[in-house]
Amino acid sequence: MDLTNSYINLPDSLVVPIKIINSHTYIPMSFLKETLNFHFSWDSESNSLYAVRIPDSATIFKNLPEAPEYEVVETFSGVASWYGGKFHGRETTSGEIFDENGLTAAHRTLPFNTYLRVTFIETNASTIVKVNDRGPHIAGRILDLSKGAAEEIGLRPHGLGEVKVEVLNNYEVEA
């Protein structure tokens, strides 16, 4: 076997020890495939071998949280904006201290502590926010998001944007 070349598609049963040649460690692909669940593919255009580790299903699903127990009770859409800056650290209408980096929103009429899933139409990204303030105070806008919430969905650089809002019932925050 020529040790200066790579060999692919050798039988998995081929047992080859790990070797050190000229200060380089060579690990057989069969070892990586069988023990660490690596899968290999050859790209003939770039003469490159790609190795991808595929975690076993026990690893993939081990730490998934349970599906949330809530329902969407109302949906509406319109223009949202975001706020922060001089309001950071001030008291909101609900009495909470405003954290511009938090995931909160101001709405004119929804009860405080109502949770909303807000989706920015342009990016299709969504986040869940808690209503803890009143606003927006500019006509034509339906929601004022904290800076943190606006960043989560990609709205911040735009200033304003069309959003879909889903009012969530029975949404509980993990402590």
N, C-alpha and C. Protein backbone atom coordinates (compact mmCIF):
# COMPACT_ATOMS: atom_id res chain seq x y z
N MET A 1 0.85 -1.18 0.00
CA MET A 1 0.00 0.00 0.00
C MET A 1 0.89 1.24 0.00
N ASP A 2 0.64 2.14 -0.91
CA ASP A 2 1.40 3.38 -1.01
C ASP A 2 0.89 4.35 0.04
N LEU A 3 1.71 4.74 1.00
CA LEU A 3 1.28 5.59 2.11
C LEU A 3 1.22 7.06 1.75
N THR A 4 1.52 7.42 0.52
CA THR A 4 1.44 8.82 0.12
C THR A 4 0.11 9.14 -0.55
N ASN A 5 -0.73 8.14 -0.78
CA ASN A 5 -2.01 8.36 -1.45
C ASN A 5 -3.16 8.04 -0.51
N SER A 6 -4.31 8.63 -0.80
CA SER A 6 -5.52 8.32 -0.03
C SER A 6 -6.30 7.25 -0.76
N TYR A 7 -6.90 6.37 -0.02
CA TYR A 7 -7.73 5.32 -0.59
C TYR A 7 -9.14 5.49 -0.07
N ILE A 8 -10.09 5.43 -0.97
CA ILE A 8 -11.48 5.57 -0.58
C ILE A 8 -12.23 4.32 -1.02
N ASN A 9 -13.40 4.12 -0.44
CA ASN A 9 -14.28 3.00 -0.77
C ASN A 9 -13.61 1.65 -0.52
N LEU A 10 -12.76 1.61 0.48
CA LEU A 10 -12.22 0.32 0.90
C LEU A 10 -13.27 -0.37 1.74
N PRO A 11 -13.26 -1.68 1.82
CA PRO A 11 -14.26 -2.39 2.63
C PRO A 11 -14.18 -1.94 4.09
N ASP A 12 -15.38 -1.79 4.72
CA ASP A 12 -15.43 -1.39 6.12
C ASP A 12 -14.73 -2.38 7.01
N SER A 13 -14.68 -3.62 6.57
CA SER A 13 -14.07 -4.66 7.40
C SER A 13 -12.55 -4.60 7.40
N LEU A 14 -11.96 -3.80 6.52
CA LEU A 14 -10.51 -3.69 6.46
C LEU A 14 -10.01 -3.08 7.76
N VAL A 15 -9.21 -3.81 8.48
CA VAL A 15 -8.69 -3.35 9.76
C VAL A 15 -7.30 -2.78 9.53
N VAL A 16 -7.18 -1.49 9.76
CA VAL A 16 -5.91 -0.81 9.58
C VAL A 16 -5.62 -0.06 10.87
N PRO A 17 -4.44 -0.22 11.44
CA PRO A 17 -4.15 0.50 12.68
C PRO A 17 -3.89 1.98 12.42
N ILE A 18 -4.05 2.76 13.47
CA ILE A 18 -3.66 4.17 13.40
C ILE A 18 -2.15 4.21 13.24
N LYS A 19 -1.67 5.07 12.35
CA LYS A 19 -0.23 5.14 12.08
C LYS A 19 0.26 6.56 12.22
N ILE A 20 1.50 6.69 12.63
CA ILE A 20 2.16 7.99 12.66
C ILE A 20 3.29 7.91 11.65
N ILE A 21 3.22 8.78 10.64
CA ILE A 21 4.22 8.79 9.58
C ILE A 21 4.69 10.23 9.41
N ASN A 22 5.98 10.46 9.55
CA ASN A 22 6.56 11.80 9.43
C ASN A 22 5.82 12.83 10.28
N SER A 23 5.57 12.50 11.53
CA SER A 23 4.90 13.37 12.50
C SER A 23 3.43 13.65 12.16
N HIS A 24 2.83 12.90 11.26
CA HIS A 24 1.41 13.02 10.93
C HIS A 24 0.69 11.78 11.42
N THR A 25 -0.46 11.98 12.04
CA THR A 25 -1.26 10.85 12.52
C THR A 25 -2.31 10.52 11.47
N TYR A 26 -2.34 9.26 11.07
CA TYR A 26 -3.31 8.79 10.09
C TYR A 26 -4.31 7.87 10.80
N ILE A 27 -5.58 8.22 10.67
CA ILE A 27 -6.65 7.43 11.30
C ILE A 27 -7.48 6.83 10.18
N PRO A 28 -7.68 5.53 10.19
CA PRO A 28 -8.46 4.89 9.13
C PRO A 28 -9.90 5.42 9.10
N MET A 29 -10.39 5.62 7.89
CA MET A 29 -11.78 6.09 7.74
C MET A 29 -12.75 5.07 8.31
N SER A 30 -12.42 3.80 8.21
CA SER A 30 -13.33 2.78 8.74
C SER A 30 -13.50 2.94 10.25
N PHE A 31 -12.43 3.32 10.94
CA PHE A 31 -12.52 3.56 12.38
C PHE A 31 -13.46 4.74 12.66
N LEU A 32 -13.27 5.83 11.91
CA LEU A 32 -14.12 7.01 12.10
C LEU A 32 -15.58 6.71 11.80
N LYS A 33 -15.80 5.91 10.77
CA LYS A 33 -17.18 5.58 10.39
C LYS A 33 -17.84 4.69 11.44
N GLU A 34 -17.14 3.65 11.86
CA GLU A 34 -17.74 2.66 12.75
C GLU A 34 -17.86 3.14 14.19
N THR A 35 -16.89 3.89 14.67
CA THR A 35 -16.92 4.27 16.08
C THR A 35 -17.49 5.65 16.34
N LEU A 36 -17.31 6.57 15.42
CA LEU A 36 -17.77 7.95 15.63
C LEU A 36 -18.88 8.37 14.68
N ASN A 37 -19.35 7.45 13.85
CA ASN A 37 -20.45 7.69 12.91
C ASN A 37 -20.15 8.81 11.91
N PHE A 38 -18.92 8.83 11.39
CA PHE A 38 -18.58 9.77 10.33
C PHE A 38 -19.03 9.20 8.99
N HIS A 39 -19.45 10.08 8.10
CA HIS A 39 -19.79 9.69 6.73
C HIS A 39 -18.91 10.52 5.80
N PHE A 40 -18.47 9.89 4.72
CA PHE A 40 -17.51 10.52 3.83
C PHE A 40 -18.10 10.70 2.44
N SER A 41 -17.68 11.79 1.79
CA SER A 41 -18.05 11.98 0.39
C SER A 41 -16.86 12.60 -0.33
N TRP A 42 -16.69 12.19 -1.58
CA TRP A 42 -15.58 12.64 -2.39
C TRP A 42 -16.09 13.63 -3.42
N ASP A 43 -15.43 14.78 -3.51
CA ASP A 43 -15.76 15.79 -4.52
C ASP A 43 -14.66 15.74 -5.57
N SER A 44 -14.99 15.16 -6.74
CA SER A 44 -13.97 14.97 -7.77
C SER A 44 -13.54 16.29 -8.40
N GLU A 45 -14.40 17.31 -8.38
CA GLU A 45 -14.02 18.60 -8.97
C GLU A 45 -12.89 19.26 -8.19
N SER A 46 -12.97 19.19 -6.87
CA SER A 46 -11.94 19.83 -6.04
C SER A 46 -10.93 18.84 -5.48
N ASN A 47 -11.10 17.55 -5.85
CA ASN A 47 -10.24 16.50 -5.30
C ASN A 47 -10.19 16.57 -3.78
N SER A 48 -11.37 16.71 -3.18
CA SER A 48 -11.46 16.85 -1.73
C SER A 48 -12.34 15.76 -1.14
N LEU A 49 -11.93 15.32 0.04
CA LEU A 49 -12.71 14.36 0.80
C LEU A 49 -13.38 15.11 1.94
N TYR A 50 -14.68 14.96 2.06
CA TYR A 50 -15.43 15.62 3.13
C TYR A 50 -15.89 14.58 4.13
N ALA A 51 -15.68 14.89 5.40
CA ALA A 51 -16.11 14.01 6.49
C ALA A 51 -17.13 14.77 7.33
N VAL A 52 -18.26 14.13 7.57
CA VAL A 52 -19.32 14.73 8.37
C VAL A 52 -19.70 13.74 9.45
N ARG A 53 -19.72 14.21 10.69
CA ARG A 53 -20.14 13.32 11.79
C ARG A 53 -21.64 13.45 11.95
N ILE A 54 -22.33 12.33 11.86
CA ILE A 54 -23.77 12.28 12.02
C ILE A 54 -24.04 11.78 13.44
N PRO A 55 -24.58 12.65 14.32
CA PRO A 55 -24.86 12.16 15.67
C PRO A 55 -25.95 11.10 15.65
N ASP A 56 -25.86 10.15 16.56
CA ASP A 56 -26.90 9.14 16.61
C ASP A 56 -28.19 9.78 17.13
N SER A 57 -29.31 9.13 16.87
CA SER A 57 -30.60 9.73 17.21
C SER A 57 -30.74 9.97 18.70
N ALA A 58 -30.10 9.18 19.53
CA ALA A 58 -30.18 9.41 20.98
C ALA A 58 -29.55 10.75 21.33
N THR A 59 -28.45 11.08 20.65
CA THR A 59 -27.80 12.36 20.90
C THR A 59 -28.65 13.50 20.37
N ILE A 60 -29.21 13.34 19.18
CA ILE A 60 -29.99 14.40 18.56
C ILE A 60 -31.21 14.76 19.40
N PHE A 61 -31.92 13.76 19.89
CA PHE A 61 -33.20 14.02 20.55
C PHE A 61 -33.12 14.07 22.07
N LYS A 62 -31.94 13.87 22.63
CA LYS A 62 -31.80 13.76 24.08
C LYS A 62 -32.24 15.03 24.82
N ASN A 63 -31.84 16.19 24.35
CA ASN A 63 -32.08 17.42 25.09
C ASN A 63 -33.16 18.32 24.49
N LEU A 64 -34.00 17.77 23.63
CA LEU A 64 -35.05 18.60 23.07
C LEU A 64 -36.11 18.90 24.12
N PRO A 65 -36.54 20.17 24.20
CA PRO A 65 -37.59 20.48 25.16
C PRO A 65 -38.92 19.92 24.67
N GLU A 66 -39.83 19.75 25.60
CA GLU A 66 -41.16 19.29 25.21
C GLU A 66 -41.85 20.39 24.41
N ALA A 67 -42.75 19.98 23.54
CA ALA A 67 -43.50 20.95 22.75
C ALA A 67 -44.29 21.86 23.69
N PRO A 68 -44.29 23.16 23.41
CA PRO A 68 -45.00 24.08 24.29
C PRO A 68 -46.51 23.81 24.29
N GLU A 69 -47.11 24.03 25.43
CA GLU A 69 -48.56 23.84 25.58
C GLU A 69 -49.24 25.20 25.52
N TYR A 70 -49.48 25.68 24.34
CA TYR A 70 -50.21 26.93 24.18
C TYR A 70 -50.97 26.90 22.87
N GLU A 71 -51.88 27.82 22.75
CA GLU A 71 -52.65 27.91 21.51
C GLU A 71 -52.68 29.36 21.05
N VAL A 72 -52.82 29.53 19.75
CA VAL A 72 -52.95 30.87 19.17
C VAL A 72 -54.43 31.23 19.24
N VAL A 73 -54.74 32.32 19.93
CA VAL A 73 -56.15 32.70 20.11
C VAL A 73 -56.56 33.87 19.24
N GLU A 74 -55.59 34.57 18.67
CA GLU A 74 -55.89 35.71 17.80
C GLU A 74 -54.68 35.98 16.93
N THR A 75 -54.91 36.40 15.71
CA THR A 75 -53.82 36.77 14.79
C THR A 75 -54.17 38.09 14.13
N PHE A 76 -53.18 38.97 14.04
CA PHE A 76 -53.37 40.23 13.32
C PHE A 76 -52.02 40.63 12.73
N SER A 77 -52.04 41.58 11.81
CA SER A 77 -50.79 42.03 11.19
C SER A 77 -50.83 43.53 10.98
N GLY A 78 -49.65 44.08 10.78
CA GLY A 78 -49.52 45.51 10.57
C GLY A 78 -48.06 45.91 10.72
N VAL A 79 -47.84 47.20 10.90
CA VAL A 79 -46.49 47.75 10.97
C VAL A 79 -46.03 47.80 12.43
N ALA A 80 -44.84 47.29 12.66
CA ALA A 80 -44.22 47.37 13.98
C ALA A 80 -42.97 48.23 13.91
N SER A 81 -42.64 48.81 15.04
CA SER A 81 -41.40 49.58 15.18
C SER A 81 -40.68 49.04 16.40
N TRP A 82 -39.54 49.63 16.73
CA TRP A 82 -38.83 49.21 17.94
C TRP A 82 -38.38 50.43 18.71
N TYR A 83 -38.14 50.22 20.00
CA TYR A 83 -37.65 51.31 20.83
C TYR A 83 -36.63 50.81 21.83
N GLY A 84 -35.83 51.73 22.31
CA GLY A 84 -34.77 51.43 23.28
C GLY A 84 -34.14 52.74 23.69
N GLY A 85 -32.82 52.76 23.70
CA GLY A 85 -32.09 54.00 23.98
C GLY A 85 -32.50 54.68 25.26
N LYS A 86 -33.09 55.86 25.15
CA LYS A 86 -33.41 56.68 26.32
C LYS A 86 -34.44 56.02 27.24
N PHE A 87 -35.16 55.01 26.74
CA PHE A 87 -36.17 54.33 27.56
C PHE A 87 -35.57 53.20 28.41
N HIS A 88 -34.35 52.78 28.06
CA HIS A 88 -33.70 51.68 28.78
C HIS A 88 -33.52 52.07 30.25
N GLY A 89 -33.98 51.18 31.13
CA GLY A 89 -33.85 51.42 32.56
C GLY A 89 -34.99 52.21 33.18
N ARG A 90 -35.89 52.71 32.35
CA ARG A 90 -37.05 53.45 32.87
C ARG A 90 -38.19 52.49 33.17
N GLU A 91 -39.13 52.96 33.96
CA GLU A 91 -40.30 52.15 34.31
C GLU A 91 -41.29 52.14 33.16
N THR A 92 -41.80 50.96 32.83
CA THR A 92 -42.84 50.84 31.81
C THR A 92 -44.20 51.11 32.45
N THR A 93 -45.22 51.19 31.63
CA THR A 93 -46.58 51.41 32.13
C THR A 93 -47.01 50.30 33.08
N SER A 94 -46.48 49.09 32.88
CA SER A 94 -46.85 47.96 33.75
C SER A 94 -46.12 48.00 35.09
N GLY A 95 -45.13 48.88 35.21
CA GLY A 95 -44.35 48.96 36.43
C GLY A 95 -43.01 48.24 36.34
N GLU A 96 -42.81 47.45 35.30
CA GLU A 96 -41.52 46.78 35.11
C GLU A 96 -40.48 47.79 34.62
N ILE A 97 -39.23 47.50 34.89
CA ILE A 97 -38.14 48.32 34.36
C ILE A 97 -37.86 47.84 32.94
N PHE A 98 -37.84 48.79 32.01
CA PHE A 98 -37.64 48.45 30.59
C PHE A 98 -36.20 48.03 30.34
N ASP A 99 -36.03 46.86 29.73
CA ASP A 99 -34.73 46.35 29.31
C ASP A 99 -34.75 46.30 27.79
N GLU A 100 -34.02 47.21 27.17
CA GLU A 100 -34.04 47.27 25.70
C GLU A 100 -33.54 45.99 25.05
N ASN A 101 -32.78 45.19 25.78
CA ASN A 101 -32.26 43.93 25.23
C ASN A 101 -33.17 42.75 25.51
N GLY A 102 -34.24 42.97 26.24
CA GLY A 102 -35.19 41.90 26.55
C GLY A 102 -36.12 41.63 25.38
N LEU A 103 -37.02 40.69 25.58
CA LEU A 103 -37.99 40.32 24.55
C LEU A 103 -39.37 40.77 25.01
N THR A 104 -39.62 42.06 24.83
CA THR A 104 -40.87 42.66 25.28
C THR A 104 -41.47 43.52 24.18
N ALA A 105 -42.72 43.95 24.42
CA ALA A 105 -43.41 44.78 23.43
C ALA A 105 -44.38 45.71 24.12
N ALA A 106 -44.69 46.79 23.42
CA ALA A 106 -45.74 47.71 23.85
C ALA A 106 -46.91 47.56 22.89
N HIS A 107 -48.11 47.45 23.46
CA HIS A 107 -49.34 47.37 22.67
C HIS A 107 -50.37 48.27 23.33
N ARG A 108 -51.27 48.83 22.53
CA ARG A 108 -52.23 49.79 23.08
C ARG A 108 -53.25 49.17 24.02
N THR A 109 -53.72 47.95 23.74
CA THR A 109 -54.85 47.42 24.51
C THR A 109 -54.68 46.02 25.09
N LEU A 110 -53.78 45.22 24.57
CA LEU A 110 -53.63 43.86 25.09
C LEU A 110 -53.21 43.90 26.55
N PRO A 111 -53.71 42.98 27.37
CA PRO A 111 -53.35 42.97 28.79
C PRO A 111 -51.84 42.77 28.98
N PHE A 112 -51.31 43.38 30.04
CA PHE A 112 -49.92 43.15 30.39
C PHE A 112 -49.72 41.65 30.65
N ASN A 113 -48.51 41.18 30.41
CA ASN A 113 -48.14 39.77 30.57
C ASN A 113 -48.78 38.86 29.53
N THR A 114 -49.33 39.43 28.45
CA THR A 114 -49.78 38.64 27.32
C THR A 114 -48.56 38.31 26.47
N TYR A 115 -48.46 37.07 26.02
CA TYR A 115 -47.33 36.67 25.18
C TYR A 115 -47.77 36.62 23.72
N LEU A 116 -46.87 37.12 22.86
CA LEU A 116 -47.13 37.21 21.43
C LEU A 116 -46.00 36.55 20.66
N ARG A 117 -46.33 35.84 19.61
CA ARG A 117 -45.31 35.40 18.65
C ARG A 117 -45.35 36.42 17.53
N VAL A 118 -44.23 37.11 17.33
CA VAL A 118 -44.14 38.17 16.33
C VAL A 118 -43.23 37.68 15.21
N THR A 119 -43.74 37.71 13.97
CA THR A 119 -42.98 37.26 12.80
C THR A 119 -42.79 38.44 11.86
N PHE A 120 -41.54 38.76 11.54
CA PHE A 120 -41.22 39.82 10.59
C PHE A 120 -41.41 39.22 9.19
N ILE A 121 -42.32 39.77 8.43
CA ILE A 121 -42.68 39.21 7.13
C ILE A 121 -41.47 39.13 6.19
N GLU A 122 -40.61 40.13 6.21
CA GLU A 122 -39.48 40.17 5.28
C GLU A 122 -38.49 39.02 5.51
N THR A 123 -38.25 38.66 6.76
CA THR A 123 -37.26 37.62 7.06
C THR A 123 -37.89 36.28 7.43
N ASN A 124 -39.18 36.29 7.73
CA ASN A 124 -39.92 35.13 8.23
C ASN A 124 -39.36 34.62 9.56
N ALA A 125 -38.58 35.46 10.24
CA ALA A 125 -38.05 35.11 11.56
C ALA A 125 -39.08 35.53 12.61
N SER A 126 -39.16 34.74 13.68
CA SER A 126 -40.12 35.07 14.72
C SER A 126 -39.49 34.96 16.10
N THR A 127 -40.11 35.62 17.06
CA THR A 127 -39.71 35.55 18.45
C THR A 127 -40.96 35.70 19.30
N ILE A 128 -40.85 35.31 20.55
CA ILE A 128 -41.97 35.46 21.47
C ILE A 128 -41.65 36.58 22.44
N VAL A 129 -42.59 37.51 22.58
CA VAL A 129 -42.40 38.68 23.44
C VAL A 129 -43.53 38.76 24.46
N LYS A 130 -43.26 39.50 25.53
CA LYS A 130 -44.27 39.73 26.56
C LYS A 130 -44.70 41.19 26.49
N VAL A 131 -46.00 41.45 26.51
CA VAL A 131 -46.51 42.82 26.54
C VAL A 131 -46.31 43.36 27.96
N ASN A 132 -45.51 44.44 28.07
CA ASN A 132 -45.28 45.05 29.38
C ASN A 132 -45.34 46.57 29.34
N ASP A 133 -45.81 47.12 28.21
CA ASP A 133 -45.87 48.58 28.09
C ASP A 133 -47.01 48.96 27.15
N ARG A 134 -47.32 50.23 27.12
CA ARG A 134 -48.35 50.76 26.22
C ARG A 134 -47.69 51.51 25.08
N GLY A 135 -48.28 51.42 23.93
CA GLY A 135 -47.77 52.05 22.73
C GLY A 135 -48.15 51.17 21.55
N PRO A 136 -47.69 51.45 20.40
CA PRO A 136 -46.91 52.62 20.01
C PRO A 136 -47.78 53.88 20.00
N HIS A 137 -47.11 54.99 20.08
CA HIS A 137 -47.81 56.27 20.16
C HIS A 137 -47.79 57.01 18.83
N ILE A 138 -47.58 56.28 17.75
CA ILE A 138 -47.60 56.85 16.40
C ILE A 138 -48.66 56.11 15.60
N ALA A 139 -49.54 56.86 14.94
CA ALA A 139 -50.63 56.26 14.16
C ALA A 139 -50.08 55.34 13.08
N GLY A 140 -50.81 54.26 12.82
CA GLY A 140 -50.44 53.34 11.76
C GLY A 140 -49.54 52.20 12.21
N ARG A 141 -49.12 52.22 13.46
CA ARG A 141 -48.27 51.15 13.98
C ARG A 141 -49.07 50.32 14.99
N ILE A 142 -48.83 49.02 14.99
CA ILE A 142 -49.60 48.14 15.87
C ILE A 142 -48.81 47.66 17.08
N LEU A 143 -47.49 47.76 17.00
CA LEU A 143 -46.65 47.18 18.06
C LEU A 143 -45.33 47.92 18.11
N ASP A 144 -44.83 48.13 19.31
CA ASP A 144 -43.48 48.66 19.54
C ASP A 144 -42.68 47.55 20.20
N LEU A 145 -41.66 47.07 19.54
CA LEU A 145 -40.83 45.99 20.08
C LEU A 145 -39.61 46.55 20.80
N SER A 146 -39.14 45.84 21.81
CA SER A 146 -37.86 46.20 22.41
C SER A 146 -36.77 46.00 21.36
N LYS A 147 -35.64 46.67 21.56
CA LYS A 147 -34.52 46.53 20.62
C LYS A 147 -34.12 45.06 20.49
N GLY A 148 -34.08 44.34 21.61
CA GLY A 148 -33.69 42.93 21.59
C GLY A 148 -34.62 42.08 20.73
N ALA A 149 -35.92 42.33 20.85
CA ALA A 149 -36.89 41.59 20.04
C ALA A 149 -36.74 41.94 18.56
N ALA A 150 -36.53 43.23 18.28
CA ALA A 150 -36.35 43.66 16.88
C ALA A 150 -35.11 43.01 16.27
N GLU A 151 -34.05 42.88 17.06
CA GLU A 151 -32.84 42.22 16.56
C GLU A 151 -33.07 40.74 16.30
N GLU A 152 -33.84 40.09 17.16
CA GLU A 152 -34.13 38.65 17.00
C GLU A 152 -34.76 38.35 15.64
N ILE A 153 -35.60 39.23 15.16
CA ILE A 153 -36.33 38.96 13.91
C ILE A 153 -35.79 39.73 12.71
N GLY A 154 -34.73 40.51 12.91
CA GLY A 154 -34.12 41.24 11.80
C GLY A 154 -34.78 42.55 11.46
N LEU A 155 -35.62 43.07 12.35
CA LEU A 155 -36.34 44.32 12.09
C LEU A 155 -35.52 45.56 12.42
N ARG A 156 -34.59 45.44 13.35
CA ARG A 156 -33.90 46.63 13.85
C ARG A 156 -33.28 47.50 12.76
N PRO A 157 -32.53 46.97 11.81
CA PRO A 157 -31.92 47.85 10.81
C PRO A 157 -32.95 48.60 9.95
N HIS A 158 -34.16 48.06 9.86
CA HIS A 158 -35.19 48.68 9.03
C HIS A 158 -35.95 49.77 9.78
N GLY A 159 -35.98 49.68 11.10
CA GLY A 159 -36.74 50.65 11.89
C GLY A 159 -38.21 50.30 11.99
N LEU A 160 -38.81 50.03 10.85
CA LEU A 160 -40.23 49.65 10.75
C LEU A 160 -40.34 48.42 9.87
N GLY A 161 -41.42 47.68 10.05
CA GLY A 161 -41.64 46.55 9.16
C GLY A 161 -42.97 45.89 9.40
N GLU A 162 -43.44 45.22 8.37
CA GLU A 162 -44.71 44.48 8.42
C GLU A 162 -44.50 43.20 9.23
N VAL A 163 -45.36 43.00 10.23
CA VAL A 163 -45.26 41.82 11.07
C VAL A 163 -46.60 41.11 11.17
N LYS A 164 -46.52 39.82 11.47
CA LYS A 164 -47.70 39.04 11.83
C LYS A 164 -47.59 38.80 13.33
N VAL A 165 -48.69 39.03 14.05
CA VAL A 165 -48.70 38.87 15.50
C VAL A 165 -49.71 37.79 15.86
N GLU A 166 -49.25 36.81 16.64
CA GLU A 166 -50.14 35.76 17.13
C GLU A 166 -50.20 35.88 18.65
N VAL A 167 -51.41 36.03 19.17
CA VAL A 167 -51.62 36.10 20.62
C VAL A 167 -51.66 34.68 21.14
N LEU A 168 -50.82 34.39 22.14
CA LEU A 168 -50.68 33.03 22.66
C LEU A 168 -51.43 32.88 23.98
N ASN A 169 -52.16 31.80 24.10
CA ASN A 169 -52.87 31.48 25.33
C ASN A 169 -52.13 30.36 26.04
N ASN A 170 -52.07 30.41 27.35
CA ASN A 170 -51.42 29.38 28.17
C ASN A 170 -49.91 29.29 27.93
N TYR A 171 -49.29 30.36 27.47
CA TYR A 171 -47.84 30.32 27.27
C TYR A 171 -47.17 30.52 28.61
N GLU A 172 -46.23 29.64 28.94
CA GLU A 172 -45.51 29.75 30.20
C GLU A 172 -44.02 29.86 29.93
N VAL A 173 -43.39 30.78 30.63
CA VAL A 173 -41.96 31.00 30.48
C VAL A 173 -41.23 30.10 31.46
N GLU A 174 -40.14 29.46 30.95
CA GLU A 174 -39.31 28.64 31.84
C GLU A 174 -38.49 29.57 32.72
N ALA A 175 -38.44 29.28 33.99
CA ALA A 175 -37.70 30.13 34.93
C ALA A 175 -36.22 29.88 34.87
